[in-house]
C-alpha atoms as a PDB file:
ATOM      1  CA  MET A   1      -8.916  25.501  38.436  1.00  0.00           C
ATOM      2  CA  SER A   2      -5.943  23.178  37.453  1.00  0.00           C
ATOM      3  CA  ILE A   3      -6.015  21.515  34.229  1.00  0.00           C
ATOM      4  CA  ILE A   4      -6.015  17.977  35.579  1.00  0.00           C
ATOM      5  CA  LYS A   5      -9.056  18.825  37.645  1.00  0.00           C
ATOM      6  CA  LYS A   6     -10.714  20.350  34.705  1.00  0.00           C
ATOM      7  CA  ILE A   7     -10.089  17.332  32.541  1.00  0.00           C
ATOM      8  CA  PHE A   8     -11.969  15.069  35.091  1.00  0.00           C
ATOM      9  CA  LEU A   9     -14.701  17.500  35.229  1.00  0.00           C
ATOM     10  CA  ILE A  10     -15.317  17.718  31.550  1.00  0.00           C
ATOM     11  CA  LEU A  11     -14.670  14.245  30.374  1.00  0.00           C
ATOM     12  CA  PRO A  12     -18.541  13.400  30.644  1.00  0.00           C
ATOM     13  CA  ILE A  13     -19.031  15.788  27.515  1.00  0.00           C
ATOM     14  CA  LEU A  14     -17.211  13.168  25.645  1.00  0.00           C
ATOM     15  CA  PHE A  15     -20.109  10.691  26.280  1.00  0.00           C
ATOM     16  CA  ILE A  16     -22.779  13.781  25.391  1.00  0.00           C
ATOM     17  CA  ALA A  17     -20.766  14.322  22.156  1.00  0.00           C
ATOM     18  CA  ASN A  18     -21.068  10.960  20.973  1.00  0.00           C
ATOM     19  CA  MET A  19     -25.008  11.078  20.980  1.00  0.00           C
ATOM     20  CA  SER A  20     -25.341   8.089  18.638  1.00  0.00           C
ATOM     21  CA  GLU A  21     -24.594   5.962  21.737  1.00  0.00           C
ATOM     22  CA  LEU A  22     -27.018   7.719  24.129  1.00  0.00           C
ATOM     23  CA  ASN A  23     -30.821   6.878  23.976  1.00  0.00           C
ATOM     24  CA  ALA A  24     -33.173   9.562  22.680  1.00  0.00           C
ATOM     25  CA  GLU A  25     -34.644   9.723  26.251  1.00  0.00           C
ATOM     26  CA  GLU A  26     -31.532  10.750  27.807  1.00  0.00           C
ATOM     27  CA  VAL A  27     -30.983  13.772  25.693  1.00  0.00           C
ATOM     28  CA  LYS A  28     -33.557  16.310  25.392  1.00  0.00           C
ATOM     29  CA  LYS A  29     -33.573  19.038  22.659  1.00  0.00           C
ATOM     30  CA  ILE A  30     -34.357  22.459  24.053  1.00  0.00           C
ATOM     31  CA  GLY A  31     -34.568  24.002  20.445  1.00  0.00           C
ATOM     32  CA  LYS A  32     -32.844  24.855  17.261  1.00  0.00           C
ATOM     33  CA  TYR A  33     -31.651  28.185  16.417  1.00  0.00           C
ATOM     34  CA  LYS A  34     -30.451  28.456  12.812  1.00  0.00           C
ATOM     35  CA  ASP A  35     -26.934  26.701  12.605  1.00  0.00           C
ATOM     36  CA  TRP A  36     -27.097  26.098  16.634  1.00  0.00           C
ATOM     37  CA  GLU A  37     -29.001  23.711  18.681  1.00  0.00           C
ATOM     38  CA  SER A  38     -29.466  23.421  22.599  1.00  0.00           C
ATOM     39  CA  MET A  39     -29.856  20.255  24.415  1.00  0.00           C
ATOM     40  CA  VAL A  40     -29.906  18.993  27.987  1.00  0.00           C
ATOM     41  CA  VAL A  41     -29.006  15.570  29.539  1.00  0.00           C
ATOM     42  CA  THR A  42     -29.526  14.557  33.126  1.00  0.00           C
ATOM     43  CA  GLU A  43     -26.620  12.464  34.523  1.00  0.00           C
ATOM     44  CA  ALA A  44     -26.043  11.166  37.797  1.00  0.00           C
ATOM     45  CA  SER A  45     -23.821  13.968  38.761  1.00  0.00           C
ATOM     46  CA  GLY A  46     -26.649  16.450  37.566  1.00  0.00           C
ATOM     47  CA  LYS A  47     -27.856  18.411  34.602  1.00  0.00           C
ATOM     48  CA  VAL A  48     -25.651  19.317  31.645  1.00  0.00           C
ATOM     49  CA  CYS A  49     -26.773  21.738  29.098  1.00  0.00           C
ATOM     50  CA  PHE A  50     -24.888  22.570  25.788  1.00  0.00           C
ATOM     51  CA  ALA A  51     -25.274  24.466  22.686  1.00  0.00           C
ATOM     52  CA  GLN A  52     -23.667  22.701  19.687  1.00  0.00           C
ATOM     53  CA  SER A  53     -22.907  23.231  15.929  1.00  0.00           C
ATOM     54  CA  SER A  54     -21.554  21.349  13.281  1.00  0.00           C
ATOM     55  CA  PRO A  55     -19.189  23.012  10.447  1.00  0.00           C
ATOM     56  CA  ILE A  56     -20.735  24.486   7.382  1.00  0.00           C
ATOM     57  CA  LEU A  57     -17.460  23.903   5.508  1.00  0.00           C
ATOM     58  CA  GLN A  58     -14.430  21.687   6.037  1.00  0.00           C
ATOM     59  CA  ALA A  59     -11.089  21.570   4.501  1.00  0.00           C
ATOM     60  CA  PRO A  60      -9.530  19.669   3.259  1.00  0.00           C
ATOM     61  CA  LYS A  61     -13.048  18.671   1.356  1.00  0.00           C
ATOM     62  CA  SER A  62     -11.913  15.173   0.819  1.00  0.00           C
ATOM     63  CA  ASN A  63     -11.754  14.495   4.530  1.00  0.00           C
ATOM     64  CA  LYS A  64     -15.316  14.174   5.762  1.00  0.00           C
ATOM     65  CA  ARG A  65     -15.265  14.305   9.667  1.00  0.00           C
ATOM     66  CA  ASP A  66     -17.840  14.452  12.391  1.00  0.00           C
ATOM     67  CA  ALA A  67     -16.750  17.736  13.816  1.00  0.00           C
ATOM     68  CA  LYS A  68     -18.586  19.815  16.518  1.00  0.00           C
ATOM     69  CA  LEU A  69     -18.313  22.908  18.644  1.00  0.00           C
ATOM     70  CA  PHE A  70     -19.762  22.997  21.976  1.00  0.00           C
ATOM     71  CA  ILE A  71     -20.516  25.457  24.599  1.00  0.00           C
ATOM     72  CA  ALA A  72     -21.658  23.694  28.019  1.00  0.00           C
ATOM     73  CA  PHE A  73     -22.875  24.295  31.671  1.00  0.00           C
ATOM     74  CA  ARG A  74     -22.500  21.976  34.452  1.00  0.00           C
ATOM     75  CA  PRO A  75     -24.324  23.611  37.480  1.00  0.00           C
ATOM     76  CA  ALA A  76     -23.514  20.736  39.820  1.00  0.00           C
ATOM     77  CA  GLU A  77     -19.847  21.013  39.345  1.00  0.00           C
ATOM     78  CA  GLN A  78     -20.091  25.021  39.033  1.00  0.00           C
ATOM     79  CA  ILE A  79     -18.814  24.909  35.251  1.00  0.00           C
ATOM     80  CA  ILE A  80     -20.199  27.656  32.972  1.00  0.00           C
ATOM     81  CA  ASN A  81     -19.229  28.648  29.461  1.00  0.00           C
ATOM     82  CA  GLU A  82     -17.114  25.642  28.906  1.00  0.00           C
ATOM     83  CA  ILE A  83     -16.047  25.588  25.136  1.00  0.00           C
ATOM     84  CA  SER A  84     -14.826  22.382  23.625  1.00  0.00           C
ATOM     85  CA  VAL A  85     -14.402  21.177  20.066  1.00  0.00           C
ATOM     86  CA  THR A  86     -13.754  17.927  18.260  1.00  0.00           C
ATOM     87  CA  ALA A  87     -12.729  17.625  14.805  1.00  0.00           C
ATOM     88  CA  GLY A  88     -13.533  14.183  14.494  1.00  0.00           C
ATOM     89  CA  TYR A  89     -10.027  12.711  14.936  1.00  0.00           C
ATOM     90  CA  GLU A  90      -7.357  12.760  17.621  1.00  0.00           C
ATOM     91  CA  PHE A  91      -5.418  16.048  17.720  1.00  0.00           C
ATOM     92  CA  ASN A  92      -1.665  15.935  17.500  1.00  0.00           C
ATOM     93  CA  ASN A  93       0.748  18.164  19.750  1.00  0.00           C
ATOM     94  CA  ASN A  94       0.222  21.056  17.524  1.00  0.00           C
ATOM     95  CA  THR A  95      -1.749  23.971  18.565  1.00  0.00           C
ATOM     96  CA  VAL A  96      -5.642  23.966  18.295  1.00  0.00           C
ATOM     97  CA  THR A  97      -6.975  27.240  17.509  1.00  0.00           C
ATOM     98  CA  ALA A  98     -10.307  29.396  16.916  1.00  0.00           C
ATOM     99  CA  GLN A  99     -10.253  32.564  14.927  1.00  0.00           C
ATOM    100  CA  SER A 100     -13.220  34.902  14.329  1.00  0.00           C
ATOM    101  CA  GLY A 101     -12.199  38.135  12.486  1.00  0.00           C
ATOM    102  CA  LYS A 102      -8.768  39.225  14.101  1.00  0.00           C
ATOM    103  CA  ASN A 103      -9.518  37.304  17.314  1.00  0.00           C
ATOM    104  CA  LYS A 104      -7.451  34.213  18.013  1.00  0.00           C
ATOM    105  CA  PHE A 105      -8.086  31.872  20.814  1.00  0.00           C
ATOM    106  CA  LYS A 106      -5.936  28.768  21.664  1.00  0.00           C
ATOM    107  CA  PHE A 107      -7.354  25.486  23.217  1.00  0.00           C
ATOM    108  CA  ASP A 108      -5.007  24.485  25.846  1.00  0.00           C
ATOM    109  CA  ILE A 109      -6.027  20.913  26.631  1.00  0.00           C
ATOM    110  CA  LYS A 110      -6.286  17.965  24.017  1.00  0.00           C
ATOM    111  CA  GLU A 111      -7.575  14.597  25.114  1.00  0.00           C
ATOM    112  CA  GLN A 112      -9.419  11.991  23.514  1.00  0.00           C
ATOM    113  CA  GLY A 113     -10.292  13.753  20.239  1.00  0.00           C
ATOM    114  CA  PHE A 114     -11.388  16.758  22.116  1.00  0.00           C
ATOM    115  CA  ALA A 115      -9.842  20.104  22.757  1.00  0.00           C
ATOM    116  CA  TRP A 116     -10.757  22.645  25.592  1.00  0.00           C
ATOM    117  CA  ILE A 117      -9.636  26.240  26.688  1.00  0.00           C
ATOM    118  CA  ALA A 118      -8.340  26.103  30.230  1.00  0.00           C
ATOM    119  CA  ASP A 119      -8.922  29.603  31.085  1.00  0.00           C
ATOM    120  CA  SER A 120     -12.439  30.729  31.932  1.00  0.00           C
ATOM    121  CA  LYS A 121     -11.450  34.389  31.256  1.00  0.00           C
ATOM    122  CA  ILE A 122     -10.467  33.468  27.535  1.00  0.00           C
ATOM    123  CA  GLU A 123     -13.507  31.460  27.190  1.00  0.00           C
ATOM    124  CA  PHE A 124     -15.632  34.427  28.285  1.00  0.00           C
ATOM    125  CA  ARG A 125     -13.760  36.583  25.860  1.00  0.00           C
ATOM    126  CA  MET A 126     -14.307  33.972  23.022  1.00  0.00           C
ATOM    127  CA  ILE A 127     -18.290  33.637  23.700  1.00  0.00           C
ATOM    128  CA  LYS A 128     -18.477  37.522  23.626  1.00  0.00           C
ATOM    129  CA  ARG A 129     -16.811  37.640  20.255  1.00  0.00           C
ATOM    130  CA  MET A 130     -19.018  34.509  18.935  1.00  0.00           C
ATOM    131  CA  LYS A 131     -22.095  36.448  19.899  1.00  0.00           C
ATOM    132  CA  LYS A 132     -20.877  39.392  17.679  1.00  0.00           C
ATOM    133  CA  GLY A 133     -19.390  37.531  14.866  1.00  0.00           C
ATOM    134  CA  SER A 134     -20.803  35.783  11.912  1.00  0.00           C
ATOM    135  CA  ARG A 135     -18.141  32.711  11.538  1.00  0.00           C
ATOM    136  CA  ILE A 136     -15.380  31.220  13.533  1.00  0.00           C
ATOM    137  CA  MET A 137     -12.656  28.888  12.105  1.00  0.00           C
ATOM    138  CA  ILE A 138     -11.186  25.958  14.130  1.00  0.00           C
ATOM    139  CA  THR A 139      -7.849  24.892  12.958  1.00  0.00           C
ATOM    140  CA  GLY A 140      -6.261  21.689  14.130  1.00  0.00           C
ATOM    141  CA  TYR A 141      -3.826  19.006  13.211  1.00  0.00           C
ATOM    142  CA  ASN A 142      -4.247  15.190  12.970  1.00  0.00           C
ATOM    143  CA  GLN A 143      -1.737  12.559  14.058  1.00  0.00           C
ATOM    144  CA  ASN A 144      -0.211  12.790  10.705  1.00  0.00           C
ATOM    145  CA  GLY A 145       0.319  16.483  11.028  1.00  0.00           C
ATOM    146  CA  SER A 146      -2.127  17.453   8.339  1.00  0.00           C
ATOM    147  CA  GLN A 147      -4.078  20.621   9.097  1.00  0.00           C
ATOM    148  CA  THR A 148      -7.878  20.858   9.136  1.00  0.00           C
ATOM    149  CA  ILE A 149     -10.050  23.847   9.097  1.00  0.00           C
ATOM    150  CA  ASP A 150     -13.616  23.837  10.153  1.00  0.00           C
ATOM    151  CA  HIS A 151     -15.812  26.773   9.485  1.00  0.00           C
ATOM    152  CA  TYR A 152     -18.592  27.442  11.773  1.00  0.00           C
ATOM    153  CA  SER A 153     -21.700  29.385  11.434  1.00  0.00           C
ATOM    154  CA  LEU A 154     -22.610  31.792  14.328  1.00  0.00           C
ATOM    155  CA  LEU A 155     -26.162  32.374  13.061  1.00  0.00           C
ATOM    156  CA  GLY A 156     -28.317  31.425  15.889  1.00  0.00           C
ATOM    157  CA  PHE A 157     -25.447  31.226  18.465  1.00  0.00           C
ATOM    158  CA  THR A 158     -26.602  33.860  20.773  1.00  0.00           C
ATOM    159  CA  LYS A 159     -30.147  32.462  20.984  1.00  0.00           C
ATOM    160  CA  ALA A 160     -28.838  28.965  21.532  1.00  0.00           C
ATOM    161  CA  TYR A 161     -26.370  30.213  24.217  1.00  0.00           C
ATOM    162  CA  ASN A 162     -29.148  32.039  26.019  1.00  0.00           C
ATOM    163  CA  ALA A 163     -31.513  29.085  25.844  1.00  0.00           C
ATOM    164  CA  THR A 164     -28.665  26.841  27.168  1.00  0.00           C
ATOM    165  CA  LYS A 165     -27.890  29.064  29.910  1.00  0.00           C
ATOM    166  CA  LYS A 166     -31.228  29.248  31.022  1.00  0.00           C
ATOM    167  CA  ALA A 167     -31.983  25.723  30.940  1.00  0.00           C
ATOM    168  CA  CYS A 168     -29.105  25.121  33.429  1.00  0.00           C
ATOM    169  CA  SER A 169     -29.617  28.106  35.645  1.00  0.00           C
END
């Protein structure tokens, strides 16, 4: 899938991520699984299911941000295992990466404060690693070039992932 097409298919998650603007009726919580939660929202284009988590640790500590890591499913658009991340700011042109153990994954697309992985095979490998790991770190750079590192717990990830996938199958 081309990067441009993927951007247009995944832009609706930007609205989901900013849940303060959504009515409670529109977003339904499927469940909470330790440090992860699963949700579903019905849009005009169909149902969107996603698992999300917030960082358990952020660096630098003085820079509190609304960061989140997502795994989404959009059956109407034939999108599965879509990984996205926001650090709570607009990323600059530097690389955004995720690292769990010795495994490192690069986010290819950066748009409106979010980053995505363009290759579904890499997304699948990252999810497989997340199921086995205990923590994943997301490294990004803001517009000033300052580095941030968000540490996400993977406790509950597999259950949240499975519940999310089931809700959209």
